Amino acid sequence: LPRATPADVAPAPKPAAVPVLRVAGLNKTYASHGQPLRAVKDVSLDLRPGETLGLVGESGSGKTTFARLLLGLVPPDEGGTIELEGKALAPKLENRGDDKV
């Protein structure tokens, strides 16, 4: 039988790095003319070390609202979570520590 050489053996998969940023189920609804306006709907993502994220969308698609949610400038609707390096962030900026601003 032929012998396997190091070049024939696939390297073991590396364990997935803990996400630097993890967003799960993020929503934001505003009132517009007495009607609910969903600006961000059920956004979830993991951003791992070395990755880059680009947000692309039409005007009014929620890009700025999403950024404001991440920064804590506006609170999300109930239920969504934002984690930075595995630790949950407070929804509002004033409730975050100086190292999370």
PDB file of N, CA and C in Angstrom:
ATOM      1  N   LEU A   1       0.820  -1.177   0.000  1.00  0.00           N
ATOM      2  CA  LEU A   1       0.000   0.000   0.000  1.00  0.00           C
ATOM      3  C   LEU A   1       0.870   1.250   0.000  1.00  0.00           C
ATOM      4  N   PRO A   2       0.397   2.307  -0.698  1.00  0.00           N
ATOM      5  CA  PRO A   2       1.167   3.559  -0.675  1.00  0.00           C
ATOM      6  C   PRO A   2       1.070   4.236   0.690  1.00  0.00           C
ATOM      7  N   ARG A   3       2.123   4.908   1.051  1.00  0.00           N
ATOM      8  CA  ARG A   3       2.151   5.617   2.325  1.00  0.00           C
ATOM      9  C   ARG A   3       1.670   7.053   2.140  1.00  0.00           C
ATOM     10  N   ALA A   4       1.017   7.545   3.145  1.00  0.00           N
ATOM     11  CA  ALA A   4       0.595   8.946   3.121  1.00  0.00           C
ATOM     12  C   ALA A   4       1.781   9.818   3.495  1.00  0.00           C
ATOM     13  N   THR A   5       1.965  10.870   2.748  1.00  0.00           N
ATOM     14  CA  THR A   5       3.020  11.833   3.065  1.00  0.00           C
ATOM     15  C   THR A   5       2.370  13.069   3.682  1.00  0.00           C
ATOM     16  N   PRO A   6       3.166  13.900   4.350  1.00  0.00           N
ATOM     17  CA  PRO A   6       2.565  15.104   4.944  1.00  0.00           C
ATOM     18  C   PRO A   6       1.786  15.949   3.933  1.00  0.00           C
ATOM     19  N   ALA A   7       2.217  15.970   2.686  1.00  0.00           N
ATOM     20  CA  ALA A   7       1.511  16.758   1.674  1.00  0.00           C
ATOM     21  C   ALA A   7       0.147  16.160   1.351  1.00  0.00           C
ATOM     22  N   ASP A   8      -0.036  14.858   1.608  1.00  0.00           N
ATOM     23  CA  ASP A   8      -1.305  14.193   1.303  1.00  0.00           C
ATOM     24  C   ASP A   8      -2.341  14.362   2.413  1.00  0.00           C
ATOM     25  N   VAL A   9      -1.910  14.746   3.585  1.00  0.00           N
ATOM     26  CA  VAL A   9      -2.804  14.826   4.733  1.00  0.00           C
ATOM     27  C   VAL A   9      -3.257  16.275   4.922  1.00  0.00           C
ATOM     28  N   ALA A  10      -4.554  16.458   4.948  1.00  0.00           N
ATOM     29  CA  ALA A  10      -5.094  17.811   5.152  1.00  0.00           C
ATOM     30  C   ALA A  10      -4.863  18.231   6.596  1.00  0.00           C
ATOM     31  N   PRO A  11      -4.535  19.501   6.803  1.00  0.00           N
ATOM     32  CA  PRO A  11      -4.360  19.956   8.186  1.00  0.00           C
ATOM     33  C   PRO A  11      -5.686  19.924   8.931  1.00  0.00           C
ATOM     34  N   ALA A  12      -5.581  19.716  10.220  1.00  0.00           N
ATOM     35  CA  ALA A  12      -6.795  19.707  11.048  1.00  0.00           C
ATOM     36  C   ALA A  12      -7.422  21.094  11.017  1.00  0.00           C
ATOM     37  N   PRO A  13      -8.745  21.153  10.967  1.00  0.00           N
ATOM     38  CA  PRO A  13      -9.376  22.478  10.961  1.00  0.00           C
ATOM     39  C   PRO A  13      -9.089  23.222  12.259  1.00  0.00           C
ATOM     40  N   LYS A  14      -8.838  24.525  12.119  1.00  0.00           N
ATOM     41  CA  LYS A  14      -8.590  25.353  13.295  1.00  0.00           C
ATOM     42  C   LYS A  14      -9.921  25.654  13.968  1.00  0.00           C
ATOM     43  N   PRO A  15      -9.931  25.690  15.294  1.00  0.00           N
ATOM     44  CA  PRO A  15     -11.187  26.045  15.964  1.00  0.00           C
ATOM     45  C   PRO A  15     -11.586  27.469  15.580  1.00  0.00           C
ATOM     46  N   ALA A  16     -12.865  27.680  15.433  1.00  0.00           N
ATOM     47  CA  ALA A  16     -13.357  29.004  15.061  1.00  0.00           C
ATOM     48  C   ALA A  16     -13.022  30.001  16.165  1.00  0.00           C
ATOM     49  N   ALA A  17     -12.477  31.127  15.757  1.00  0.00           N
ATOM     50  CA  ALA A  17     -12.144  32.169  16.725  1.00  0.00           C
ATOM     51  C   ALA A  17     -13.422  32.761  17.307  1.00  0.00           C
ATOM     52  N   VAL A  18     -13.330  33.188  18.544  1.00  0.00           N
ATOM     53  CA  VAL A  18     -14.464  33.860  19.182  1.00  0.00           C
ATOM     54  C   VAL A  18     -14.698  35.166  18.428  1.00  0.00           C
ATOM     55  N   PRO A  19     -15.923  35.450  18.061  1.00  0.00           N
ATOM     56  CA  PRO A  19     -16.179  36.689  17.326  1.00  0.00           C
ATOM     57  C   PRO A  19     -15.782  37.925  18.140  1.00  0.00           C
ATOM     58  N   VAL A  20     -15.198  38.891  17.456  1.00  0.00           N
ATOM     59  CA  VAL A  20     -14.909  40.178  18.077  1.00  0.00           C
ATOM     60  C   VAL A  20     -16.229  40.896  18.317  1.00  0.00           C
ATOM     61  N   LEU A  21     -17.124  40.776  17.340  1.00  0.00           N
ATOM     62  CA  LEU A  21     -18.446  41.388  17.434  1.00  0.00           C
ATOM     63  C   LEU A  21     -19.485  40.343  17.078  1.00  0.00           C
ATOM     64  N   ARG A  22     -20.466  40.184  17.936  1.00  0.00           N
ATOM     65  CA  ARG A  22     -21.583  39.269  17.668  1.00  0.00           C
ATOM     66  C   ARG A  22     -22.880  40.043  17.889  1.00  0.00           C
ATOM     67  N   VAL A  23     -23.725  40.014  16.883  1.00  0.00           N
ATOM     68  CA  VAL A  23     -25.036  40.659  16.948  1.00  0.00           C
ATOM     69  C   VAL A  23     -26.064  39.567  16.711  1.00  0.00           C
ATOM     70  N   ALA A  24     -27.098  39.522  17.531  1.00  0.00           N
ATOM     71  CA  ALA A  24     -28.123  38.484  17.388  1.00  0.00           C
ATOM     72  C   ALA A  24     -29.512  39.091  17.535  1.00  0.00           C
ATOM     73  N   GLY A  25     -30.321  38.910  16.502  1.00  0.00           N
ATOM     74  CA  GLY A  25     -31.730  39.291  16.554  1.00  0.00           C
ATOM     75  C   GLY A  25     -31.993  40.761  16.808  1.00  0.00           C
ATOM     76  N   LEU A  26     -31.165  41.629  16.238  1.00  0.00           N
ATOM     77  CA  LEU A  26     -31.301  43.065  16.491  1.00  0.00           C
ATOM     78  C   LEU A  26     -32.438  43.662  15.666  1.00  0.00           C
ATOM     79  N   ASN A  27     -33.300  44.419  16.336  1.00  0.00           N
ATOM     80  CA  ASN A  27     -34.440  45.089  15.699  1.00  0.00           C
ATOM     81  C   ASN A  27     -34.533  46.517  16.213  1.00  0.00           C
ATOM     82  N   LYS A  28     -35.019  47.398  15.353  1.00  0.00           N
ATOM     83  CA  LYS A  28     -35.315  48.768  15.774  1.00  0.00           C
ATOM     84  C   LYS A  28     -36.540  49.250  15.010  1.00  0.00           C
ATOM     85  N   THR A  29     -37.540  49.695  15.767  1.00  0.00           N
ATOM     86  CA  THR A  29     -38.783  50.198  15.192  1.00  0.00           C
ATOM     87  C   THR A  29     -38.992  51.628  15.665  1.00  0.00           C
ATOM     88  N   TYR A  30     -39.311  52.494  14.735  1.00  0.00           N
ATOM     89  CA  TYR A  30     -39.655  53.888  15.042  1.00  0.00           C
ATOM     90  C   TYR A  30     -41.129  54.095  14.728  1.00  0.00           C
ATOM     91  N   ALA A  31     -41.695  55.158  15.279  1.00  0.00           N
ATOM     92  CA  ALA A  31     -43.060  55.547  14.916  1.00  0.00           C
ATOM     93  C   ALA A  31     -42.965  56.608  13.825  1.00  0.00           C
ATOM     94  N   SER A  32     -43.710  56.421  12.747  1.00  0.00           N
ATOM     95  CA  SER A  32     -43.729  57.372  11.644  1.00  0.00           C
ATOM     96  C   SER A  32     -45.172  57.653  11.270  1.00  0.00           C
ATOM     97  N   HIS A  33     -45.609  58.878  11.529  1.00  0.00           N
ATOM     98  CA  HIS A  33     -46.999  59.267  11.245  1.00  0.00           C
ATOM     99  C   HIS A  33     -47.983  58.326  11.929  1.00  0.00           C
ATOM    100  N   GLY A  34     -47.646  57.941  13.168  1.00  0.00           N
ATOM    101  CA  GLY A  34     -48.523  57.079  13.942  1.00  0.00           C
ATOM    102  C   GLY A  34     -48.456  55.607  13.575  1.00  0.00           C
ATOM    103  N   GLN A  35     -47.601  55.256  12.632  1.00  0.00           N
ATOM    104  CA  GLN A  35     -47.460  53.863  12.196  1.00  0.00           C
ATOM    105  C   GLN A  35     -46.059  53.355  12.555  1.00  0.00           C
ATOM    106  N   PRO A  36     -45.934  52.072  12.881  1.00  0.00           N
ATOM    107  CA  PRO A  36     -44.598  51.531  13.153  1.00  0.00           C
ATOM    108  C   PRO A  36     -43.779  51.437  11.860  1.00  0.00           C
ATOM    109  N   LEU A  37     -42.520  51.830  11.949  1.00  0.00           N
ATOM    110  CA  LEU A  37     -41.597  51.743  10.821  1.00  0.00           C
ATOM    111  C   LEU A  37     -40.399  50.918  11.266  1.00  0.00           C
ATOM    112  N   ARG A  38     -40.247  49.729  10.714  1.00  0.00           N
ATOM    113  CA  ARG A  38     -39.149  48.835  11.095  1.00  0.00           C
ATOM    114  C   ARG A  38     -37.901  49.253  10.324  1.00  0.00           C
ATOM    115  N   ALA A  39     -36.948  49.883  11.014  1.00  0.00           N
ATOM    116  CA  ALA A  39     -35.718  50.360  10.388  1.00  0.00           C
ATOM    117  C   ALA A  39     -34.668  49.253  10.299  1.00  0.00           C
ATOM    118  N   VAL A  40     -34.625  48.383  11.303  1.00  0.00           N
ATOM    119  CA  VAL A  40     -33.698  47.245  11.330  1.00  0.00           C
ATOM    120  C   VAL A  40     -34.513  46.033  11.738  1.00  0.00           C
ATOM    121  N   LYS A  41     -34.403  44.974  10.943  1.00  0.00           N
ATOM    122  CA  LYS A  41     -35.228  43.788  11.193  1.00  0.00           C
ATOM    123  C   LYS A  41     -34.363  42.540  11.329  1.00  0.00           C
ATOM    124  N   ASP A  42     -34.317  42.000  12.533  1.00  0.00           N
ATOM    125  CA  ASP A  42     -33.706  40.705  12.834  1.00  0.00           C
ATOM    126  C   ASP A  42     -32.301  40.540  12.242  1.00  0.00           C
ATOM    127  N   VAL A  43     -31.412  41.488  12.534  1.00  0.00           N
ATOM    128  CA  VAL A  43     -30.040  41.419  12.037  1.00  0.00           C
ATOM    129  C   VAL A  43     -29.199  40.584  12.994  1.00  0.00           C
ATOM    130  N   SER A  44     -28.486  39.612  12.435  1.00  0.00           N
ATOM    131  CA  SER A  44     -27.555  38.783  13.196  1.00  0.00           C
ATOM    132  C   SER A  44     -26.271  38.654  12.394  1.00  0.00           C
ATOM    133  N   LEU A  45     -25.135  38.724  13.074  1.00  0.00           N
ATOM    134  CA  LEU A  45     -23.854  38.538  12.390  1.00  0.00           C
ATOM    135  C   LEU A  45     -22.771  38.238  13.404  1.00  0.00           C
ATOM    136  N   ASP A  46     -21.717  37.591  12.926  1.00  0.00           N
ATOM    137  CA  ASP A  46     -20.497  37.367  13.694  1.00  0.00           C
ATOM    138  C   ASP A  46     -19.353  37.958  12.893  1.00  0.00           C
ATOM    139  N   LEU A  47     -18.523  38.754  13.536  1.00  0.00           N
ATOM    140  CA  LEU A  47     -17.346  39.329  12.906  1.00  0.00           C
ATOM    141  C   LEU A  47     -16.136  38.831  13.682  1.00  0.00           C
ATOM    142  N   ARG A  48     -15.308  38.020  13.024  1.00  0.00           N
ATOM    143  CA  ARG A  48     -14.168  37.384  13.679  1.00  0.00           C
ATOM    144  C   ARG A  48     -12.892  38.201  13.454  1.00  0.00           C
ATOM    145  N   PRO A  49     -11.872  37.958  14.262  1.00  0.00           N
ATOM    146  CA  PRO A  49     -10.614  38.694  14.090  1.00  0.00           C
ATOM    147  C   PRO A  49     -10.108  38.582  12.651  1.00  0.00           C
ATOM    148  N   GLY A  50      -9.692  39.698  12.090  1.00  0.00           N
ATOM    149  CA  GLY A  50      -9.167  39.724  10.731  1.00  0.00           C
ATOM    150  C   GLY A  50     -10.216  39.907   9.654  1.00  0.00           C
ATOM    151  N   GLU A  51     -11.488  39.817  10.004  1.00  0.00           N
ATOM    152  CA  GLU A  51     -12.549  39.999   9.017  1.00  0.00           C
ATOM    153  C   GLU A  51     -12.934  41.471   8.922  1.00  0.00           C
ATOM    154  N   THR A  52     -13.470  41.831   7.765  1.00  0.00           N
ATOM    155  CA  THR A  52     -13.960  43.181   7.516  1.00  0.00           C
ATOM    156  C   THR A  52     -15.406  43.080   7.085  1.00  0.00           C
ATOM    157  N   LEU A  53     -16.222  43.999   7.549  1.00  0.00           N
ATOM    158  CA  LEU A  53     -17.637  44.010   7.200  1.00  0.00           C
ATOM    159  C   LEU A  53     -17.956  45.298   6.476  1.00  0.00           C
ATOM    160  N   GLY A  54     -18.658  45.196   5.369  1.00  0.00           N
ATOM    161  CA  GLY A  54     -19.151  46.365   4.652  1.00  0.00           C
ATOM    162  C   GLY A  54     -20.663  46.323   4.627  1.00  0.00           C
ATOM    163  N   LEU A  55     -21.295  47.441   4.935  1.00  0.00           N
ATOM    164  CA  LEU A  55     -22.753  47.541   4.867  1.00  0.00           C
ATOM    165  C   LEU A  55     -23.120  48.303   3.609  1.00  0.00           C
ATOM    166  N   VAL A  56     -23.909  47.676   2.773  1.00  0.00           N
ATOM    167  CA  VAL A  56     -24.320  48.278   1.514  1.00  0.00           C
ATOM    168  C   VAL A  56     -25.833  48.224   1.444  1.00  0.00           C
ATOM    169  N   GLY A  57     -26.439  49.305   1.015  1.00  0.00           N
ATOM    170  CA  GLY A  57     -27.888  49.313   0.868  1.00  0.00           C
ATOM    171  C   GLY A  57     -28.371  50.655   0.360  1.00  0.00           C
ATOM    172  N   GLU A  58     -29.595  50.651  -0.074  1.00  0.00           N
ATOM    173  CA  GLU A  58     -30.199  51.876  -0.580  1.00  0.00           C
ATOM    174  C   GLU A  58     -30.392  52.878   0.546  1.00  0.00           C
ATOM    175  N   SER A  59     -30.615  54.116   0.167  1.00  0.00           N
ATOM    176  CA  SER A  59     -30.944  55.153   1.136  1.00  0.00           C
ATOM    177  C   SER A  59     -32.198  54.734   1.898  1.00  0.00           C
ATOM    178  N   GLY A  60     -32.138  54.846   3.222  1.00  0.00           N
ATOM    179  CA  GLY A  60     -33.294  54.473   4.034  1.00  0.00           C
ATOM    180  C   GLY A  60     -33.390  53.003   4.356  1.00  0.00           C
ATOM    181  N   SER A  61     -32.341  52.229   4.051  1.00  0.00           N
ATOM    182  CA  SER A  61     -32.412  50.780   4.284  1.00  0.00           C
ATOM    183  C   SER A  61     -32.015  50.366   5.699  1.00  0.00           C
ATOM    184  N   GLY A  62     -31.531  51.314   6.528  1.00  0.00           N
ATOM    185  CA  GLY A  62     -31.224  50.987   7.917  1.00  0.00           C
ATOM    186  C   GLY A  62     -29.751  50.936   8.272  1.00  0.00           C
ATOM    187  N   LYS A  63     -28.867  51.300   7.346  1.00  0.00           N
ATOM    188  CA  LYS A  63     -27.428  51.246   7.624  1.00  0.00           C
ATOM    189  C   LYS A  63     -27.035  52.146   8.797  1.00  0.00           C
ATOM    190  N   THR A  64     -27.474  53.377   8.769  1.00  0.00           N
ATOM    191  CA  THR A  64     -27.124  54.321   9.835  1.00  0.00           C
ATOM    192  C   THR A  64     -27.769  53.915  11.151  1.00  0.00           C
ATOM    193  N   THR A  65     -29.003  53.469  11.107  1.00  0.00           N
ATOM    194  CA  THR A  65     -29.666  53.010  12.332  1.00  0.00           C
ATOM    195  C   THR A  65     -28.909  51.831  12.926  1.00  0.00           C
ATOM    196  N   PHE A  66     -28.456  50.902  12.095  1.00  0.00           N
ATOM    197  CA  PHE A  66     -27.682  49.760  12.576  1.00  0.00           C
ATOM    198  C   PHE A  66     -26.399  50.240  13.258  1.00  0.00           C
ATOM    199  N   ALA A  67     -25.697  51.178  12.640  1.00  0.00           N
ATOM    200  CA  ALA A  67     -24.472  51.716  13.243  1.00  0.00           C
ATOM    201  C   ALA A  67     -24.780  52.400  14.575  1.00  0.00           C
ATOM    202  N   ARG A  68     -25.864  53.138  14.641  1.00  0.00           N
ATOM    203  CA  ARG A  68     -26.248  53.808  15.891  1.00  0.00           C
ATOM    204  C   ARG A  68     -26.588  52.795  16.980  1.00  0.00           C
ATOM    205  N   LEU A  69     -27.200  51.690  16.596  1.00  0.00           N
ATOM    206  CA  LEU A  69     -27.482  50.624  17.560  1.00  0.00           C
ATOM    207  C   LEU A  69     -26.180  50.048  18.109  1.00  0.00           C
ATOM    208  N   LEU A  70     -25.215  49.773  17.224  1.00  0.00           N
ATOM    209  CA  LEU A  70     -23.934  49.220  17.664  1.00  0.00           C
ATOM    210  C   LEU A  70     -23.214  50.173  18.612  1.00  0.00           C
ATOM    211  N   LEU A  71     -23.304  51.466  18.334  1.00  0.00           N
ATOM    212  CA  LEU A  71     -22.624  52.462  19.156  1.00  0.00           C
ATOM    213  C   LEU A  71     -23.362  52.795  20.445  1.00  0.00           C
ATOM    214  N   GLY A  72     -24.596  52.318  20.579  1.00  0.00           N
ATOM    215  CA  GLY A  72     -25.375  52.601  21.777  1.00  0.00           C
ATOM    216  C   GLY A  72     -26.029  53.970  21.758  1.00  0.00           C
ATOM    217  N   LEU A  73     -26.097  54.597  20.592  1.00  0.00           N
ATOM    218  CA  LEU A  73     -26.704  55.927  20.490  1.00  0.00           C
ATOM    219  C   LEU A  73     -28.220  55.862  20.508  1.00  0.00           C
ATOM    220  N   VAL A  74     -28.775  54.746  20.064  1.00  0.00           N
ATOM    221  CA  VAL A  74     -30.217  54.494  20.176  1.00  0.00           C
ATOM    222  C   VAL A  74     -30.387  53.083  20.731  1.00  0.00           C
ATOM    223  N   PRO A  75     -31.388  52.854  21.568  1.00  0.00           N
ATOM    224  CA  PRO A  75     -31.590  51.508  22.124  1.00  0.00           C
ATOM    225  C   PRO A  75     -32.314  50.617  21.116  1.00  0.00           C
ATOM    226  N   PRO A  76     -31.964  49.325  21.078  1.00  0.00           N
ATOM    227  CA  PRO A  76     -32.694  48.399  20.204  1.00  0.00           C
ATOM    228  C   PRO A  76     -34.048  48.048  20.809  1.00  0.00           C
ATOM    229  N   ASP A  77     -34.915  47.468  19.984  1.00  0.00           N
ATOM    230  CA  ASP A  77     -36.149  46.890  20.505  1.00  0.00           C
ATOM    231  C   ASP A  77     -35.759  45.735  21.427  1.00  0.00           C
ATOM    232  N   GLU A  78     -36.682  45.287  22.246  1.00  0.00           N
ATOM    233  CA  GLU A  78     -36.420  44.181  23.174  1.00  0.00           C
ATOM    234  C   GLU A  78     -35.986  42.925  22.417  1.00  0.00           C
ATOM    235  N   GLY A  79     -35.068  42.177  23.024  1.00  0.00           N
ATOM    236  CA  GLY A  79     -34.728  40.855  22.517  1.00  0.00           C
ATOM    237  C   GLY A  79     -33.405  40.743  21.801  1.00  0.00           C
ATOM    238  N   GLY A  80     -32.915  41.790  21.175  1.00  0.00           N
ATOM    239  CA  GLY A  80     -31.650  41.696  20.457  1.00  0.00           C
ATOM    240  C   GLY A  80     -30.468  41.836  21.398  1.00  0.00           C
ATOM    241  N   THR A  81     -29.321  41.271  20.992  1.00  0.00           N
ATOM    242  CA  THR A  81     -28.114  41.371  21.806  1.00  0.00           C
ATOM    243  C   THR A  81     -26.929  41.793  20.954  1.00  0.00           C
ATOM    244  N   ILE A  82     -26.007  42.498  21.599  1.00  0.00           N
ATOM    245  CA  ILE A  82     -24.745  42.893  20.983  1.00  0.00           C
ATOM    246  C   ILE A  82     -23.648  42.480  21.951  1.00  0.00           C
ATOM    247  N   GLU A  83     -22.666  41.718  21.454  1.00  0.00           N
ATOM    248  CA  GLU A  83     -21.531  41.300  22.280  1.00  0.00           C
ATOM    249  C   GLU A  83     -20.246  41.799  21.651  1.00  0.00           C
ATOM    250  N   LEU A  84     -19.341  42.280  22.488  1.00  0.00           N
ATOM    251  CA  LEU A  84     -18.019  42.700  22.056  1.00  0.00           C
ATOM    252  C   LEU A  84     -17.009  41.829  22.783  1.00  0.00           C
ATOM    253  N   GLU A  85     -16.237  41.070  22.019  1.00  0.00           N
ATOM    254  CA  GLU A  85     -15.251  40.138  22.567  1.00  0.00           C
ATOM    255  C   GLU A  85     -15.865  39.206  23.600  1.00  0.00           C
ATOM    256  N   GLY A  86     -17.074  38.719  23.301  1.00  0.00           N
ATOM    257  CA  GLY A  86     -17.735  37.738  24.146  1.00  0.00           C
ATOM    258  C   GLY A  86     -18.503  38.297  25.327  1.00  0.00           C
ATOM    259  N   LYS A  87     -18.509  39.608  25.491  1.00  0.00           N
ATOM    260  CA  LYS A  87     -19.215  40.219  26.624  1.00  0.00           C
ATOM    261  C   LYS A  87     -20.367  41.070  26.116  1.00  0.00           C
ATOM    262  N   ALA A  88     -21.530  40.889  26.737  1.00  0.00           N
ATOM    263  CA  ALA A  88     -22.721  41.637  26.329  1.00  0.00           C
ATOM    264  C   ALA A  88     -22.521  43.127  26.584  1.00  0.00           C
ATOM    265  N   LEU A  89     -22.931  43.923  25.609  1.00  0.00           N
ATOM    266  CA  LEU A  89     -22.897  45.377  25.757  1.00  0.00           C
ATOM    267  C   LEU A  89     -24.245  45.875  26.239  1.00  0.00           C
ATOM    268  N   ALA A  90     -24.225  46.873  27.090  1.00  0.00           N
ATOM    269  CA  ALA A  90     -25.469  47.519  27.498  1.00  0.00           C
ATOM    270  C   ALA A  90     -26.068  48.200  26.266  1.00  0.00           C
ATOM    271  N   PRO A  91     -27.387  48.174  26.121  1.00  0.00           N
ATOM    272  CA  PRO A  91     -28.009  48.761  24.937  1.00  0.00           C
ATOM    273  C   PRO A  91     -27.776  50.263  24.790  1.00  0.00           C
ATOM    274  N   LYS A  92     -27.635  50.982  25.920  1.00  0.00           N
ATOM    275  CA  LYS A  92     -27.457  52.432  25.851  1.00  0.00           C
ATOM    276  C   LYS A  92     -26.019  52.802  26.183  1.00  0.00           C
ATOM    277  N   LEU A  93     -25.501  53.782  25.466  1.00  0.00           N
ATOM    278  CA  LEU A  93     -24.127  54.233  25.640  1.00  0.00           C
ATOM    279  C   LEU A  93     -23.822  54.630  27.081  1.00  0.00           C
ATOM    280  N   GLU A  94     -24.740  55.328  27.728  1.00  0.00           N
ATOM    281  CA  GLU A  94     -24.465  55.799  29.090  1.00  0.00           C
ATOM    282  C   GLU A  94     -24.357  54.660  30.097  1.00  0.00           C
ATOM    283  N   ASN A  95     -24.782  53.454  29.730  1.00  0.00           N
ATOM    284  CA  ASN A  95     -24.689  52.301  30.626  1.00  0.00           C
ATOM    285  C   ASN A  95     -23.475  51.422  30.328  1.00  0.00           C
ATOM    286  N   ARG A  96     -22.636  51.841  29.378  1.00  0.00           N
ATOM    287  CA  ARG A  96     -21.438  51.080  29.029  1.00  0.00           C
ATOM    288  C   ARG A  96     -20.236  51.651  29.766  1.00  0.00           C
ATOM    289  N   GLY A  97     -19.289  50.786  30.070  1.00  0.00           N
ATOM    290  CA  GLY A  97     -18.054  51.248  30.694  1.00  0.00           C
ATOM    291  C   GLY A  97     -17.204  52.017  29.692  1.00  0.00           C
ATOM    292  N   ASP A  98     -16.229  52.776  30.192  1.00  0.00           N
ATOM    293  CA  ASP A  98     -15.361  53.568  29.323  1.00  0.00           C
ATOM    294  C   ASP A  98     -14.607  52.711  28.317  1.00  0.00           C
ATOM    295  N   ASP A  99     -14.296  51.471  28.667  1.00  0.00           N
ATOM    296  CA  ASP A  99     -13.570  50.599  27.749  1.00  0.00           C
ATOM    297  C   ASP A  99     -14.458  50.048  26.638  1.00  0.00           C
ATOM    298  N   LYS A 100     -15.749  50.292  26.683  1.00  0.00           N
ATOM    299  CA  LYS A 100     -16.682  49.783  25.674  1.00  0.00           C
ATOM    300  C   LYS A 100     -17.242  50.896  24.792  1.00  0.00           C
ATOM    301  N   VAL A 101     -16.689  52.092  24.925  1.00  0.00           N
ATOM    302  CA  VAL A 101     -17.187  53.228  24.138  1.00  0.00           C
ATOM    303  C   VAL A 101     -16.371  53.361  22.880  1.00  0.00           C
TER     304      VAL A 101
END
